Every structure is written in structure tokens, then in C-alpha cells.
PDB file of N, CA and C in Angstrom:
ATOM      1  N   MET A   1      29.673  33.858 106.580  1.00  0.00           N
ATOM      2  CA  MET A   1      29.110  35.211 106.906  1.00  0.00           C
ATOM      3  C   MET A   1      29.822  36.176 105.998  1.00  0.00           C
ATOM      4  N   ALA A   2      30.981  35.914 105.237  1.00  0.00           N
ATOM      5  CA  ALA A   2      31.781  36.953 104.393  1.00  0.00           C
ATOM      6  C   ALA A   2      30.649  37.395 103.172  1.00  0.00           C
ATOM      7  N   ASN A   3      30.094  36.390 102.727  1.00  0.00           N
ATOM      8  CA  ASN A   3      29.034  36.529 101.406  1.00  0.00           C
ATOM      9  C   ASN A   3      27.806  37.089 101.945  1.00  0.00           C
ATOM     10  N   GLN A   4      27.394  36.785 103.231  1.00  0.00           N
ATOM     11  CA  GLN A   4      26.090  37.256 103.880  1.00  0.00           C
ATOM     12  C   GLN A   4      25.730  38.569 104.136  1.00  0.00           C
ATOM     13  N   GLN A   5      24.753  39.154 104.076  1.00  0.00           N
ATOM     14  CA  GLN A   5      24.332  40.647 104.447  1.00  0.00           C
ATOM     15  C   GLN A   5      23.976  40.547 105.825  1.00  0.00           C
ATOM     16  N   PRO A   6      24.380  41.578 106.622  1.00  0.00           N
ATOM     17  CA  PRO A   6      23.942  41.495 108.011  1.00  0.00           C
ATOM     18  C   PRO A   6      22.457  41.691 108.350  1.00  0.00           C
ATOM     19  N   ALA A   7      21.873  41.099 109.078  1.00  0.00           N
ATOM     20  CA  ALA A   7      20.447  41.156 109.422  1.00  0.00           C
ATOM     21  C   ALA A   7      20.392  42.356 110.160  1.00  0.00           C
ATOM     22  N   TYR A   8      21.413  42.588 111.177  1.00  0.00           N
ATOM     23  CA  TYR A   8      21.310  44.009 111.902  1.00  0.00           C
ATOM     24  C   TYR A   8      22.451  44.708 112.134  1.00  0.00           C
ATOM     25  N   ARG A   9      22.752  45.958 112.306  1.00  0.00           N
ATOM     26  CA  ARG A   9      23.758  46.503 112.754  1.00  0.00           C
ATOM     27  C   ARG A   9      23.923  46.682 114.360  1.00  0.00           C
ATOM     28  N   ALA A  10      24.977  46.605 114.664  1.00  0.00           N
ATOM     29  CA  ALA A  10      25.049  46.902 116.089  1.00  0.00           C
ATOM     30  C   ALA A  10      25.613  48.091 116.440  1.00  0.00           C
ATOM     31  N   TYR A  11      25.063  48.906 117.524  1.00  0.00           N
ATOM     32  CA  TYR A  11      25.402  50.301 117.948  1.00  0.00           C
ATOM     33  C   TYR A  11      25.583  50.316 119.478  1.00  0.00           C
ATOM     34  N   THR A  12      26.167  51.474 120.028  1.00  0.00           N
ATOM     35  CA  THR A  12      25.795  51.757 121.277  1.00  0.00           C
ATOM     36  C   THR A  12      25.548  53.469 121.121  1.00  0.00           C
ATOM     37  N   VAL A  13      24.580  53.859 121.994  1.00  0.00           N
ATOM     38  CA  VAL A  13      24.447  55.304 121.954  1.00  0.00           C
ATOM     39  C   VAL A  13      24.949  55.811 123.205  1.00  0.00           C
ATOM     40  N   ILE A  14      25.737  57.127 122.421  1.00  0.00           N
ATOM     41  CA  ILE A  14      26.159  57.805 123.693  1.00  0.00           C
ATOM     42  C   ILE A  14      25.424  58.901 123.699  1.00  0.00           C
ATOM     43  N   LYS A  15      25.119  59.331 125.036  1.00  0.00           N
ATOM     44  CA  LYS A  15      24.385  60.382 125.217  1.00  0.00           C
ATOM     45  C   LYS A  15      25.275  61.681 125.756  1.00  0.00           C
ATOM     46  N   ARG A  16      24.857  62.693 124.825  1.00  0.00           N
ATOM     47  CA  ARG A  16      25.810  64.068 124.976  1.00  0.00           C
ATOM     48  C   ARG A  16      24.925  65.135 125.330  1.00  0.00           C
ATOM     49  N   GLU A  17      25.344  65.687 126.523  1.00  0.00           N
ATOM     50  CA  GLU A  17      24.687  66.882 127.069  1.00  0.00           C
ATOM     51  C   GLU A  17      24.543  68.147 125.998  1.00  0.00           C
ATOM     52  N   GLY A  18      23.334  68.603 125.625  1.00  0.00           N
ATOM     53  CA  GLY A  18      23.115  69.694 124.881  1.00  0.00           C
ATOM     54  C   GLY A  18      23.442  69.493 123.366  1.00  0.00           C
ATOM     55  N   GLN A  19      23.323  68.305 123.082  1.00  0.00           N
ATOM     56  CA  GLN A  19      23.650  67.884 121.611  1.00  0.00           C
ATOM     57  C   GLN A  19      22.728  66.549 121.390  1.00  0.00           C
ATOM     58  N   ASP A  20      22.727  66.066 120.153  1.00  0.00           N
ATOM     59  CA  ASP A  20      21.854  64.989 119.847  1.00  0.00           C
ATOM     60  C   ASP A  20      22.846  63.770 120.483  1.00  0.00           C
ATOM     61  N   ASP A  21      21.917  62.518 120.718  1.00  0.00           N
ATOM     62  CA  ASP A  21      22.672  61.455 120.967  1.00  0.00           C
ATOM     63  C   ASP A  21      23.762  60.862 119.764  1.00  0.00           C
ATOM     64  N   TYR A  22      24.953  60.284 120.101  1.00  0.00           N
ATOM     65  CA  TYR A  22      25.806  59.828 118.986  1.00  0.00           C
ATOM     66  C   TYR A  22      25.694  58.273 118.954  1.00  0.00           C
ATOM     67  N   TRP A  23      25.270  57.703 117.890  1.00  0.00           N
ATOM     68  CA  TRP A  23      25.266  56.379 117.550  1.00  0.00           C
ATOM     69  C   TRP A  23      26.444  55.909 116.996  1.00  0.00           C
ATOM     70  N   LEU A  24      27.186  55.048 117.783  1.00  0.00           N
ATOM     71  CA  LEU A  24      28.434  54.588 117.476  1.00  0.00           C
ATOM     72  C   LEU A  24      28.525  53.318 117.053  1.00  0.00           C
ATOM     73  N   ALA A  25      28.805  52.800 115.822  1.00  0.00           N
ATOM     74  CA  ALA A  25      28.885  51.388 115.388  1.00  0.00           C
ATOM     75  C   ALA A  25      29.480  50.505 115.951  1.00  0.00           C
ATOM     76  N   LEU A  26      29.196  49.261 116.389  1.00  0.00           N
ATOM     77  CA  LEU A  26      30.126  48.276 117.012  1.00  0.00           C
ATOM     78  C   LEU A  26      30.282  47.264 116.172  1.00  0.00           C
ATOM     79  N   GLY A  27      29.461  46.652 115.334  1.00  0.00           N
ATOM     80  CA  GLY A  27      29.497  45.584 114.860  1.00  0.00           C
ATOM     81  C   GLY A  27      28.252  45.162 113.835  1.00  0.00           C
ATOM     82  N   ALA A  28      28.038  43.774 113.652  1.00  0.00           N
ATOM     83  CA  ALA A  28      26.944  43.284 112.960  1.00  0.00           C
ATOM     84  C   ALA A  28      26.175  42.100 113.551  1.00  0.00           C
ATOM     85  N   ALA A  29      25.075  41.794 113.191  1.00  0.00           N
ATOM     86  CA  ALA A  29      24.381  40.468 113.593  1.00  0.00           C
ATOM     87  C   ALA A  29      24.004  39.725 112.399  1.00  0.00           C
ATOM     88  N   PHE A  30      24.464  38.414 112.254  1.00  0.00           N
ATOM     89  CA  PHE A  30      23.965  37.580 111.033  1.00  0.00           C
ATOM     90  C   PHE A  30      23.456  36.400 111.323  1.00  0.00           C
ATOM     91  N   PRO A  31      22.116  36.253 110.588  1.00  0.00           N
ATOM     92  CA  PRO A  31      21.301  34.842 110.991  1.00  0.00           C
ATOM     93  C   PRO A  31      22.212  33.626 110.819  1.00  0.00           C
ATOM     94  N   HIS A  32      21.816  32.616 111.855  1.00  0.00           N
ATOM     95  CA  HIS A  32      22.193  31.278 112.077  1.00  0.00           C
ATOM     96  C   HIS A  32      22.129  30.633 110.671  1.00  0.00           C
ATOM     97  N   GLN A  33      22.702  29.685 110.230  1.00  0.00           N
ATOM     98  CA  GLN A  33      22.410  28.839 108.862  1.00  0.00           C
ATOM     99  C   GLN A  33      21.036  27.969 109.193  1.00  0.00           C
ATOM    100  N   SER A  34      20.958  27.800 110.376  1.00  0.00           N
ATOM    101  CA  SER A  34      19.667  26.939 110.670  1.00  0.00           C
ATOM    102  C   SER A  34      18.453  27.878 111.056  1.00  0.00           C
ATOM    103  N   GLY A  35      18.640  29.151 110.796  1.00  0.00           N
ATOM    104  CA  GLY A  35      17.560  29.974 110.901  1.00  0.00           C
ATOM    105  C   GLY A  35      17.143  30.584 112.405  1.00  0.00           C
ATOM    106  N   ASP A  36      17.634  29.685 113.487  1.00  0.00           N
ATOM    107  CA  ASP A  36      17.321  29.920 114.870  1.00  0.00           C
ATOM    108  C   ASP A  36      18.652  30.798 115.388  1.00  0.00           C
ATOM    109  N   GLY A  37      18.455  32.007 115.685  1.00  0.00           N
ATOM    110  CA  GLY A  37      19.295  32.802 116.376  1.00  0.00           C
ATOM    111  C   GLY A  37      20.223  33.597 115.629  1.00  0.00           C
ATOM    112  N   PHE A  38      21.313  34.209 116.080  1.00  0.00           N
ATOM    113  CA  PHE A  38      22.092  35.144 115.350  1.00  0.00           C
ATOM    114  C   PHE A  38      23.383  35.145 115.751  1.00  0.00           C
ATOM    115  N   ASN A  39      24.367  35.330 114.844  1.00  0.00           N
ATOM    116  CA  ASN A  39      26.133  35.384 115.367  1.00  0.00           C
ATOM    117  C   ASN A  39      26.082  36.988 115.588  1.00  0.00           C
ATOM    118  N   VAL A  40      26.634  37.578 116.652  1.00  0.00           N
ATOM    119  CA  VAL A  40      26.857  38.843 116.771  1.00  0.00           C
ATOM    120  C   VAL A  40      28.419  39.299 116.603  1.00  0.00           C
ATOM    121  N   ILE A  41      28.863  39.903 115.597  1.00  0.00           N
ATOM    122  CA  ILE A  41      30.147  40.120 115.545  1.00  0.00           C
ATOM    123  C   ILE A  41      30.386  41.440 115.878  1.00  0.00           C
ATOM    124  N   LEU A  42      31.348  41.648 116.757  1.00  0.00           N
ATOM    125  CA  LEU A  42      31.522  43.162 117.337  1.00  0.00           C
ATOM    126  C   LEU A  42      32.899  43.514 117.026  1.00  0.00           C
ATOM    127  N   GLN A  43      33.152  44.657 116.560  1.00  0.00           N
ATOM    128  CA  GLN A  43      34.648  45.276 116.340  1.00  0.00           C
ATOM    129  C   GLN A  43      34.869  46.009 117.469  1.00  0.00           C
ATOM    130  N   ALA A  44      34.086  46.620 118.331  1.00  0.00           N
ATOM    131  CA  ALA A  44      34.542  47.383 119.429  1.00  0.00           C
ATOM    132  C   ALA A  44      33.422  47.042 120.640  1.00  0.00           C
ATOM    133  N   LEU A  45      33.834  47.289 121.742  1.00  0.00           N
ATOM    134  CA  LEU A  45      32.866  47.032 122.920  1.00  0.00           C
ATOM    135  C   LEU A  45      32.474  48.347 123.340  1.00  0.00           C
ATOM    136  N   PRO A  46      31.197  48.518 123.922  1.00  0.00           N
ATOM    137  CA  PRO A  46      30.621  49.715 124.527  1.00  0.00           C
ATOM    138  C   PRO A  46      31.096  49.983 125.879  1.00  0.00           C
ATOM    139  N   LEU A  47      31.345  51.215 126.207  1.00  0.00           N
ATOM    140  CA  LEU A  47      31.712  51.485 127.603  1.00  0.00           C
ATOM    141  C   LEU A  47      30.487  51.696 128.613  1.00  0.00           C
ATOM    142  N   PRO A  48      30.655  51.233 129.825  1.00  0.00           N
ATOM    143  CA  PRO A  48      29.531  51.068 130.740  1.00  0.00           C
ATOM    144  C   PRO A  48      28.965  52.578 131.005  1.00  0.00           C
ATOM    145  N   SER A  49      27.862  52.477 131.068  1.00  0.00           N
ATOM    146  CA  SER A  49      27.071  53.741 131.572  1.00  0.00           C
ATOM    147  C   SER A  49      27.402  54.221 132.991  1.00  0.00           C
ATOM    148  N   THR A  50      26.854  55.357 133.322  1.00  0.00           N
ATOM    149  CA  THR A  50      27.249  55.815 134.969  1.00  0.00           C
ATOM    150  C   THR A  50      26.405  54.699 135.696  1.00  0.00           C
ATOM    151  N   ASP A  51      25.302  53.967 135.450  1.00  0.00           N
ATOM    152  CA  ASP A  51      24.922  52.829 136.456  1.00  0.00           C
ATOM    153  C   ASP A  51      25.543  51.406 136.310  1.00  0.00           C
ATOM    154  N   GLY A  52      26.580  51.592 135.284  1.00  0.00           N
ATOM    155  CA  GLY A  52      27.311  50.272 135.308  1.00  0.00           C
ATOM    156  C   GLY A  52      26.914  49.263 133.999  1.00  0.00           C
ATOM    157  N   THR A  53      25.790  49.672 133.338  1.00  0.00           N
ATOM    158  CA  THR A  53      25.495  48.843 132.438  1.00  0.00           C
ATOM    159  C   THR A  53      25.979  49.238 130.970  1.00  0.00           C
ATOM    160  N   CYS A  54      26.114  48.137 130.265  1.00  0.00           N
ATOM    161  CA  CYS A  54      26.687  48.222 128.713  1.00  0.00           C
ATOM    162  C   CYS A  54      25.473  48.015 127.794  1.00  0.00           C
ATOM    163  N   LYS A  55      24.952  48.882 126.849  1.00  0.00           N
ATOM    164  CA  LYS A  55      24.001  48.506 126.192  1.00  0.00           C
ATOM    165  C   LYS A  55      24.236  48.574 124.604  1.00  0.00           C
ATOM    166  N   ILE A  56      23.683  47.417 123.842  1.00  0.00           N
ATOM    167  CA  ILE A  56      24.002  47.377 122.436  1.00  0.00           C
ATOM    168  C   ILE A  56      22.775  47.432 121.748  1.00  0.00           C
ATOM    169  N   VAL A  57      22.432  48.210 120.884  1.00  0.00           N
ATOM    170  CA  VAL A  57      21.297  48.569 120.125  1.00  0.00           C
ATOM    171  C   VAL A  57      21.458  47.842 118.723  1.00  0.00           C
ATOM    172  N   LEU A  58      20.426  47.011 118.235  1.00  0.00           N
ATOM    173  CA  LEU A  58      20.635  46.287 117.245  1.00  0.00           C
ATOM    174  C   LEU A  58      19.368  46.882 116.099  1.00  0.00           C
ATOM    175  N   ARG A  59      19.782  47.426 115.044  1.00  0.00           N
ATOM    176  CA  ARG A  59      18.938  48.027 114.011  1.00  0.00           C
ATOM    177  C   ARG A  59      18.986  47.499 112.703  1.00  0.00           C
ATOM    178  N   PRO A  60      18.033  47.293 112.045  1.00  0.00           N
ATOM    179  CA  PRO A  60      18.181  46.797 110.360  1.00  0.00           C
ATOM    180  C   PRO A  60      18.963  47.774 109.649  1.00  0.00           C
ATOM    181  N   PRO A  61      19.948  47.143 108.953  1.00  0.00           N
ATOM    182  CA  PRO A  61      20.662  48.129 107.977  1.00  0.00           C
ATOM    183  C   PRO A  61      20.234  48.665 106.992  1.00  0.00           C
ATOM    184  N   LYS A  62      20.432  50.281 106.795  1.00  0.00           N
ATOM    185  CA  LYS A  62      19.756  50.956 105.800  1.00  0.00           C
ATOM    186  C   LYS A  62      20.195  50.591 104.366  1.00  0.00           C
ATOM    187  N   ASP A  63      19.278  51.018 103.653  1.00  0.00           N
ATOM    188  CA  ASP A  63      19.590  50.554 102.092  1.00  0.00           C
ATOM    189  C   ASP A  63      20.834  51.380 101.673  1.00  0.00           C
ATOM    190  N   ASP A  64      21.509  50.595 101.106  1.00  0.00           N
ATOM    191  CA  ASP A  64      22.767  51.295 100.313  1.00  0.00           C
ATOM    192  C   ASP A  64      22.718  52.399  99.582  1.00  0.00           C
ATOM    193  N   SER A  65      21.418  52.224  98.772  1.00  0.00           N
ATOM    194  CA  SER A  65      21.108  53.821  98.190  1.00  0.00           C
ATOM    195  C   SER A  65      20.710  54.928  99.138  1.00  0.00           C
ATOM    196  N   ASP A  66      20.327  54.600 100.174  1.00  0.00           N
ATOM    197  CA  ASP A  66      19.867  55.683 101.333  1.00  0.00           C
ATOM    198  C   ASP A  66      21.192  56.179 101.863  1.00  0.00           C
ATOM    199  N   GLU A  67      22.168  55.407 101.963  1.00  0.00           N
ATOM    200  CA  GLU A  67      23.472  55.832 102.768  1.00  0.00           C
ATOM    201  C   GLU A  67      24.268  56.735 101.601  1.00  0.00           C
ATOM    202  N   ARG A  68      24.278  56.372 100.321  1.00  0.00           N
ATOM    203  CA  ARG A  68      25.037  56.849  99.401  1.00  0.00           C
ATOM    204  C   ARG A  68      24.433  58.390  99.090  1.00  0.00           C
ATOM    205  N   SER A  69      23.018  58.395  99.067  1.00  0.00           N
ATOM    206  CA  SER A  69      22.387  59.823  98.861  1.00  0.00           C
ATOM    207  C   SER A  69      22.619  60.671 100.089  1.00  0.00           C
ATOM    208  N   THR A  70      22.669  60.103 101.153  1.00  0.00           N
ATOM    209  CA  THR A  70      22.859  60.765 102.371  1.00  0.00           C
ATOM    210  C   THR A  70      24.459  61.538 102.253  1.00  0.00           C
ATOM    211  N   GLN A  71      25.404  60.634 101.934  1.00  0.00           N
ATOM    212  CA  GLN A  71      26.763  61.032 101.794  1.00  0.00           C
ATOM    213  C   GLN A  71      26.982  62.029 100.904  1.00  0.00           C
ATOM    214  N   ARG A  72      26.081  61.983  99.712  1.00  0.00           N
ATOM    215  CA  ARG A  72      26.403  62.937  98.734  1.00  0.00           C
ATOM    216  C   ARG A  72      25.937  64.434  99.036  1.00  0.00           C
ATOM    217  N   GLU A  73      24.880  64.489 100.188  1.00  0.00           N
ATOM    218  CA  GLU A  73      24.459  65.649 100.292  1.00  0.00           C
ATOM    219  C   GLU A  73      25.664  66.633 100.867  1.00  0.00           C
ATOM    220  N   GLU A  74      25.852  67.831 100.429  1.00  0.00           N
ATOM    221  CA  GLU A  74      26.612  68.968 101.013  1.00  0.00           C
ATOM    222  C   GLU A  74      25.956  70.039 101.514  1.00  0.00           C
ATOM    223  N   PRO A  75      26.420  70.893 102.434  1.00  0.00           N
ATOM    224  CA  PRO A  75      25.897  72.013 102.840  1.00  0.00           C
ATOM    225  C   PRO A  75      25.989  73.040 101.807  1.00  0.00           C
ATOM    226  N   ARG A  76      25.059  73.744 101.740  1.00  0.00           N
ATOM    227  CA  ARG A  76      24.927  74.792 100.595  1.00  0.00           C
ATOM    228  C   ARG A  76      25.582  76.057 100.881  1.00  0.00           C
ATOM    229  N   ASN A  77      26.544  76.743 100.381  1.00  0.00           N
ATOM    230  CA  ASN A  77      27.179  77.763 100.676  1.00  0.00           C
ATOM    231  C   ASN A  77      26.720  78.740  99.491  1.00  0.00           C
ATOM    232  N   THR A  78      25.975  79.909  99.844  1.00  0.00           N
ATOM    233  CA  THR A  78      25.226  80.731  99.092  1.00  0.00           C
ATOM    234  C   THR A  78      26.247  81.575  98.494  1.00  0.00           C
ATOM    235  N   GLN A  79      27.254  81.876  99.068  1.00  0.00           N
ATOM    236  CA  GLN A  79      28.230  82.932  98.399  1.00  0.00           C
ATOM    237  C   GLN A  79      28.965  81.955  97.144  1.00  0.00           C
ATOM    238  N   SER A  80      29.296  80.959  97.519  1.00  0.00           N
ATOM    239  CA  SER A  80      30.124  80.072  96.161  1.00  0.00           C
ATOM    240  C   SER A  80      28.951  80.223  95.151  1.00  0.00           C
ATOM    241  N   ASN A  81      27.769  79.689  95.512  1.00  0.00           N
ATOM    242  CA  ASN A  81      26.808  79.561  94.515  1.00  0.00           C
ATOM    243  C   ASN A  81      26.572  80.760  93.757  1.00  0.00           C
ATOM    244  N   ASN A  82      26.619  82.075  94.431  1.00  0.00           N
ATOM    245  CA  ASN A  82      26.423  83.269  93.940  1.00  0.00           C
ATOM    246  C   ASN A  82      27.486  83.595  93.106  1.00  0.00           C
ATOM    247  N   ARG A  83      28.747  83.315  93.261  1.00  0.00           N
ATOM    248  CA  ARG A  83      29.971  83.608  92.462  1.00  0.00           C
ATOM    249  C   ARG A  83      30.156  83.117  91.329  1.00  0.00           C
ATOM    250  N   SER A  84      29.478  81.670  91.365  1.00  0.00           N
ATOM    251  CA  SER A  84      29.705  80.893  90.132  1.00  0.00           C
ATOM    252  C   SER A  84      28.522  81.298  89.140  1.00  0.00           C
ATOM    253  N   ARG A  85      27.475  81.871  89.723  1.00  0.00           N
ATOM    254  CA  ARG A  85      26.377  82.247  88.652  1.00  0.00           C
ATOM    255  C   ARG A  85      26.938  83.620  87.775  1.00  0.00           C
ATOM    256  N   ARG A  86      27.852  84.290  88.474  1.00  0.00           N
ATOM    257  CA  ARG A  86      28.362  85.554  88.204  1.00  0.00           C
ATOM    258  C   ARG A  86      29.275  85.472  86.774  1.00  0.00           C
ATOM    259  N   SER A  87      29.961  84.385  87.041  1.00  0.00           N
ATOM    260  CA  SER A  87      31.135  84.206  85.896  1.00  0.00           C
ATOM    261  C   SER A  87      30.674  83.632  84.734  1.00  0.00           C
TER     262      SER A  87
END
């Protein structure tokens, strides 16, 4: 599994009142060598919701280039942009 890319990433979704839901990464799922089924490797466990259930969501991993471009985006500060233009 060390050389294999995960087929899915494992998350738990934390509901927050008045805010967007928070997707907390828990681990990953790797396909079995035989092709039938997955090994799910968790690095954390979800907490039970108010009804006592623990839910894990499996999603395909995002492309690395998508994640890098998202990380590079920075909020634009118009004041600092204006100062640099004046210099």
C-alpha cells in the first residue's frame, strides 16, 4: 500500500451551526490486490453524532495539481497591491 495511491479518501463531516460543514480527513481506502474490496486505513475515528451514529464518507482523491493550485491562492489585499504599484 505504501507505493499505491488511495482509491478514496475517508472523511467525517462536522456540522457547524451558522457555518459551512467541516470535512475532517480521517484516512484512506486502498483497493485489494485481488480487485475485490478495499482496505480502509484510518488515522483517526469520528465522534458519534447526536443520534449515536458515526459516519465516514469516502470520496475520490482530488488531483494533486488541483490541491496545489488551491493552496497557492491567497486573499488579495488591495492596500498592499496599491502600495507596491506606487513604489
